[in-house]
Amino acid sequence: MFTVPIHWFSDGSVRAEVHIAVVVVAVVVGIQSLLLPRDADRRMATVTRTIVPRLEATGDLRGAQAKLNDAAARQIAGQLTEDATISAPANCVGCHRE
């Protein structure tokens, strides 16, 4: 365990150095507390811009897979009619449309 010698604070030059170190640390922490939220907001916007479209695409893919599974099950059961069609969503990129 580290203990601070008491005579450091009786010496004026050491006391001033300790106070200067504390002030410098306080200024650095203060500056970081002002800059980091802005940086965090920018990073969150970047993550949102890249992740949200992927999550939406995953949801579209799962919905399409559910429709395909349902159509396959109905076809096996003999319930698929001629007018029941499976179509890709309008915003699907790279999907083949009939």
N, C-alpha and C. Protein backbone atom coordinates (compact mmCIF):
# COMPACT_ATOMS: atom_id res chain seq x y z
N MET A 1 0.84 -1.17 0.00
CA MET A 1 0.00 0.00 0.00
C MET A 1 0.88 1.23 0.00
N PHE A 2 0.50 2.21 -0.81
CA PHE A 2 1.27 3.43 -0.94
C PHE A 2 0.71 4.50 0.00
N THR A 3 1.59 5.10 0.78
CA THR A 3 1.17 6.19 1.66
C THR A 3 1.92 7.46 1.26
N VAL A 4 1.24 8.57 1.35
CA VAL A 4 1.84 9.85 1.01
C VAL A 4 2.52 10.40 2.25
N PRO A 5 3.80 10.70 2.16
CA PRO A 5 4.47 11.28 3.33
C PRO A 5 3.87 12.65 3.67
N ILE A 6 3.64 12.87 4.93
CA ILE A 6 3.01 14.10 5.40
C ILE A 6 3.90 15.31 5.13
N HIS A 7 5.21 15.13 5.18
CA HIS A 7 6.11 16.27 4.99
C HIS A 7 6.03 16.85 3.57
N TRP A 8 5.45 16.10 2.60
CA TRP A 8 5.27 16.65 1.26
C TRP A 8 4.37 17.88 1.29
N PHE A 9 3.34 17.82 2.12
CA PHE A 9 2.38 18.92 2.16
C PHE A 9 2.86 20.09 3.02
N SER A 10 3.88 19.84 3.83
CA SER A 10 4.44 20.96 4.59
C SER A 10 5.43 21.75 3.74
N ASP A 11 5.99 21.10 2.73
CA ASP A 11 6.90 21.77 1.81
C ASP A 11 6.06 22.49 0.75
N GLY A 12 6.23 23.80 0.62
CA GLY A 12 5.42 24.62 -0.29
C GLY A 12 5.59 24.24 -1.74
N SER A 13 6.79 23.88 -2.16
CA SER A 13 7.02 23.57 -3.57
C SER A 13 6.34 22.26 -3.95
N VAL A 14 6.38 21.28 -3.08
CA VAL A 14 5.74 20.00 -3.37
C VAL A 14 4.22 20.16 -3.36
N ARG A 15 3.70 20.95 -2.45
CA ARG A 15 2.27 21.19 -2.38
C ARG A 15 1.78 21.83 -3.68
N ALA A 16 2.54 22.78 -4.18
CA ALA A 16 2.18 23.43 -5.43
C ALA A 16 2.20 22.42 -6.59
N GLU A 17 3.19 21.56 -6.61
CA GLU A 17 3.29 20.55 -7.66
C GLU A 17 2.11 19.58 -7.61
N VAL A 18 1.71 19.19 -6.41
CA VAL A 18 0.57 18.29 -6.26
C VAL A 18 -0.71 18.98 -6.74
N HIS A 19 -0.87 20.25 -6.37
CA HIS A 19 -2.05 20.98 -6.81
C HIS A 19 -2.07 21.16 -8.33
N ILE A 20 -0.92 21.42 -8.91
CA ILE A 20 -0.84 21.56 -10.37
C ILE A 20 -1.21 20.24 -11.04
N ALA A 21 -0.73 19.13 -10.52
CA ALA A 21 -1.05 17.82 -11.09
C ALA A 21 -2.55 17.54 -11.00
N VAL A 22 -3.16 17.89 -9.87
CA VAL A 22 -4.60 17.67 -9.70
C VAL A 22 -5.38 18.54 -10.68
N VAL A 23 -4.96 19.78 -10.85
CA VAL A 23 -5.65 20.68 -11.78
C VAL A 23 -5.51 20.18 -13.22
N VAL A 24 -4.32 19.72 -13.59
CA VAL A 24 -4.11 19.20 -14.94
C VAL A 24 -5.01 17.99 -15.20
N VAL A 25 -5.08 17.09 -14.25
CA VAL A 25 -5.94 15.91 -14.40
C VAL A 25 -7.40 16.33 -14.52
N ALA A 26 -7.81 17.30 -13.70
CA ALA A 26 -9.20 17.77 -13.74
C ALA A 26 -9.52 18.40 -15.09
N VAL A 27 -8.59 19.17 -15.65
CA VAL A 27 -8.81 19.79 -16.96
C VAL A 27 -8.91 18.73 -18.05
N VAL A 28 -8.03 17.75 -18.02
CA VAL A 28 -8.06 16.68 -19.02
C VAL A 28 -9.37 15.90 -18.94
N VAL A 29 -9.79 15.56 -17.75
CA VAL A 29 -11.05 14.83 -17.58
C VAL A 29 -12.23 15.69 -18.03
N GLY A 30 -12.19 16.97 -17.73
CA GLY A 30 -13.25 17.87 -18.16
C GLY A 30 -13.35 17.97 -19.67
N ILE A 31 -12.22 18.08 -20.33
CA ILE A 31 -12.22 18.17 -21.80
C ILE A 31 -12.74 16.87 -22.40
N GLN A 32 -12.31 15.75 -21.87
CA GLN A 32 -12.79 14.46 -22.38
C GLN A 32 -14.28 14.30 -22.16
N SER A 33 -14.78 14.78 -21.04
CA SER A 33 -16.21 14.64 -20.78
C SER A 33 -17.03 15.48 -21.75
N LEU A 34 -16.44 16.53 -22.31
CA LEU A 34 -17.14 17.33 -23.30
C LEU A 34 -17.04 16.74 -24.71
N LEU A 35 -15.91 16.12 -25.02
CA LEU A 35 -15.68 15.61 -26.37
C LEU A 35 -16.24 14.22 -26.59
N LEU A 36 -16.22 13.36 -25.60
CA LEU A 36 -16.63 11.98 -25.80
C LEU A 36 -18.11 11.81 -26.15
N PRO A 37 -19.05 12.55 -25.57
CA PRO A 37 -20.44 12.37 -25.99
C PRO A 37 -20.66 12.71 -27.47
N ARG A 38 -19.98 13.72 -27.96
CA ARG A 38 -20.10 14.08 -29.38
C ARG A 38 -19.57 12.94 -30.25
N ASP A 39 -18.45 12.37 -29.85
CA ASP A 39 -17.87 11.26 -30.59
C ASP A 39 -18.76 10.03 -30.50
N ALA A 40 -19.34 9.79 -29.33
CA ALA A 40 -20.25 8.65 -29.17
C ALA A 40 -21.48 8.81 -30.04
N ASP A 41 -21.99 10.02 -30.17
CA ASP A 41 -23.15 10.27 -31.02
C ASP A 41 -22.81 10.00 -32.48
N ARG A 42 -21.63 10.41 -32.90
CA ARG A 42 -21.21 10.17 -34.28
C ARG A 42 -21.04 8.67 -34.54
N ARG A 43 -20.45 7.96 -33.59
CA ARG A 43 -20.29 6.51 -33.76
C ARG A 43 -21.64 5.80 -33.78
N MET A 44 -22.59 6.25 -32.94
CA MET A 44 -23.91 5.63 -32.91
C MET A 44 -24.64 5.86 -34.24
N ALA A 45 -24.49 7.04 -34.81
CA ALA A 45 -25.11 7.32 -36.11
C ALA A 45 -24.52 6.42 -37.19
N THR A 46 -23.23 6.20 -37.15
CA THR A 46 -22.57 5.31 -38.12
C THR A 46 -23.07 3.88 -37.97
N VAL A 47 -23.14 3.41 -36.74
CA VAL A 47 -23.61 2.05 -36.49
C VAL A 47 -25.05 1.90 -36.95
N THR A 48 -25.88 2.89 -36.62
CA THR A 48 -27.28 2.84 -37.02
C THR A 48 -27.41 2.82 -38.53
N ARG A 49 -26.62 3.64 -39.20
CA ARG A 49 -26.68 3.71 -40.67
C ARG A 49 -26.28 2.38 -41.31
N THR A 50 -25.39 1.62 -40.69
CA THR A 50 -24.95 0.37 -41.30
C THR A 50 -25.74 -0.84 -40.83
N ILE A 51 -26.20 -0.84 -39.59
CA ILE A 51 -26.84 -2.03 -39.03
C ILE A 51 -28.33 -2.10 -39.35
N VAL A 52 -29.04 -0.98 -39.27
CA VAL A 52 -30.50 -1.00 -39.45
C VAL A 52 -30.91 -1.56 -40.80
N PRO A 53 -30.30 -1.16 -41.92
CA PRO A 53 -30.70 -1.77 -43.20
C PRO A 53 -30.46 -3.28 -43.23
N ARG A 54 -29.41 -3.73 -42.58
CA ARG A 54 -29.14 -5.17 -42.54
C ARG A 54 -30.21 -5.90 -41.73
N LEU A 55 -30.63 -5.29 -40.62
CA LEU A 55 -31.69 -5.90 -39.82
C LEU A 55 -33.01 -5.94 -40.59
N GLU A 56 -33.30 -4.87 -41.32
CA GLU A 56 -34.52 -4.85 -42.13
C GLU A 56 -34.46 -5.92 -43.22
N ALA A 57 -33.30 -6.07 -43.85
CA ALA A 57 -33.14 -7.09 -44.88
C ALA A 57 -33.30 -8.49 -44.29
N THR A 58 -32.79 -8.69 -43.08
CA THR A 58 -32.93 -9.98 -42.42
C THR A 58 -34.41 -10.27 -42.14
N GLY A 59 -35.13 -9.25 -41.70
CA GLY A 59 -36.56 -9.42 -41.46
C GLY A 59 -37.31 -9.75 -42.74
N ASP A 60 -36.97 -9.07 -43.85
CA ASP A 60 -37.59 -9.36 -45.14
C ASP A 60 -37.28 -10.78 -45.58
N LEU A 61 -36.05 -11.20 -45.36
CA LEU A 61 -35.65 -12.55 -45.74
C LEU A 61 -36.41 -13.59 -44.94
N ARG A 62 -36.56 -13.35 -43.65
CA ARG A 62 -37.32 -14.30 -42.81
C ARG A 62 -38.79 -14.34 -43.22
N GLY A 63 -39.36 -13.19 -43.56
CA GLY A 63 -40.74 -13.16 -44.03
C GLY A 63 -40.91 -13.93 -45.33
N ALA A 64 -39.98 -13.74 -46.25
CA ALA A 64 -40.03 -14.46 -47.52
C ALA A 64 -39.87 -15.96 -47.30
N GLN A 65 -38.99 -16.34 -46.39
CA GLN A 65 -38.79 -17.76 -46.08
C GLN A 65 -40.06 -18.36 -45.48
N ALA A 66 -40.75 -17.60 -44.63
CA ALA A 66 -42.00 -18.08 -44.05
C ALA A 66 -43.06 -18.29 -45.13
N LYS A 67 -43.14 -17.33 -46.08
CA LYS A 67 -44.10 -17.49 -47.19
C LYS A 67 -43.77 -18.71 -48.03
N LEU A 68 -42.48 -18.92 -48.28
CA LEU A 68 -42.05 -20.07 -49.07
C LEU A 68 -42.38 -21.37 -48.35
N ASN A 69 -42.11 -21.41 -47.06
CA ASN A 69 -42.41 -22.61 -46.28
C ASN A 69 -43.91 -22.88 -46.26
N ASP A 70 -44.71 -21.82 -46.13
CA ASP A 70 -46.16 -21.97 -46.11
C ASP A 70 -46.66 -22.49 -47.46
N ALA A 71 -46.14 -21.92 -48.55
CA ALA A 71 -46.57 -22.35 -49.88
C ALA A 71 -46.16 -23.80 -50.14
N ALA A 72 -44.97 -24.16 -49.69
CA ALA A 72 -44.52 -25.55 -49.89
C ALA A 72 -45.40 -26.52 -49.10
N ALA A 73 -45.75 -26.14 -47.88
CA ALA A 73 -46.60 -27.01 -47.06
C ALA A 73 -47.99 -27.13 -47.69
N ARG A 74 -48.53 -25.99 -48.20
CA ARG A 74 -49.85 -26.06 -48.84
C ARG A 74 -49.80 -26.85 -50.14
N GLN A 75 -48.69 -26.77 -50.85
CA GLN A 75 -48.58 -27.53 -52.10
C GLN A 75 -48.53 -29.02 -51.79
N ILE A 76 -47.79 -29.36 -50.77
CA ILE A 76 -47.71 -30.77 -50.38
C ILE A 76 -49.09 -31.26 -49.94
N ALA A 77 -49.81 -30.41 -49.26
CA ALA A 77 -51.14 -30.78 -48.79
C ALA A 77 -52.18 -30.70 -49.90
N GLY A 78 -51.78 -30.20 -51.08
CA GLY A 78 -52.69 -30.11 -52.21
C GLY A 78 -53.63 -28.93 -52.14
N GLN A 79 -53.30 -27.91 -51.36
CA GLN A 79 -54.20 -26.79 -51.19
C GLN A 79 -53.76 -25.55 -51.97
N LEU A 80 -52.67 -25.60 -52.69
CA LEU A 80 -52.19 -24.43 -53.43
C LEU A 80 -52.99 -24.30 -54.72
N THR A 81 -53.62 -23.17 -54.90
CA THR A 81 -54.43 -22.95 -56.10
C THR A 81 -53.62 -22.20 -57.14
N GLU A 82 -54.16 -22.11 -58.33
CA GLU A 82 -53.49 -21.44 -59.43
C GLU A 82 -53.30 -19.95 -59.18
N ASP A 83 -54.28 -19.32 -58.52
CA ASP A 83 -54.21 -17.87 -58.32
C ASP A 83 -53.32 -17.47 -57.14
N ALA A 84 -52.90 -18.42 -56.35
CA ALA A 84 -52.01 -18.10 -55.22
C ALA A 84 -50.58 -18.05 -55.74
N THR A 85 -50.01 -16.89 -55.72
CA THR A 85 -48.64 -16.72 -56.21
C THR A 85 -47.76 -16.21 -55.09
N ILE A 86 -46.52 -16.50 -55.20
CA ILE A 86 -45.53 -16.00 -54.26
C ILE A 86 -44.70 -14.97 -55.02
N SER A 87 -44.70 -13.75 -54.53
CA SER A 87 -43.95 -12.71 -55.22
C SER A 87 -42.96 -12.07 -54.26
N ALA A 88 -41.88 -11.57 -54.83
CA ALA A 88 -40.86 -10.90 -54.03
C ALA A 88 -41.38 -9.52 -53.65
N PRO A 89 -40.98 -9.01 -52.49
CA PRO A 89 -41.38 -7.66 -52.12
C PRO A 89 -40.83 -6.64 -53.11
N ALA A 90 -41.48 -5.50 -53.21
CA ALA A 90 -41.10 -4.47 -54.19
C ALA A 90 -39.70 -3.92 -53.95
N ASN A 91 -39.25 -3.90 -52.70
CA ASN A 91 -37.94 -3.33 -52.39
C ASN A 91 -36.83 -4.37 -52.34
N CYS A 92 -37.10 -5.57 -52.83
CA CYS A 92 -36.10 -6.64 -52.77
C CYS A 92 -35.07 -6.43 -53.88
N VAL A 93 -33.81 -6.33 -53.49
CA VAL A 93 -32.73 -6.12 -54.45
C VAL A 93 -32.17 -7.49 -54.85
N GLY A 94 -32.14 -7.75 -56.12
CA GLY A 94 -31.56 -9.01 -56.60
C GLY A 94 -32.57 -10.16 -56.64
N CYS A 95 -33.84 -9.91 -56.31
CA CYS A 95 -34.85 -10.96 -56.35
C CYS A 95 -35.35 -11.12 -57.79
N HIS A 96 -35.66 -12.32 -58.14
CA HIS A 96 -36.20 -12.59 -59.47
C HIS A 96 -37.71 -12.43 -59.40
N ARG A 97 -38.23 -11.64 -60.30
CA ARG A 97 -39.69 -11.42 -60.35
C ARG A 97 -40.24 -12.11 -61.59
N GLU A 98 -41.48 -12.53 -61.48
CA GLU A 98 -42.13 -13.19 -62.61
C GLU A 98 -42.72 -12.20 -63.56
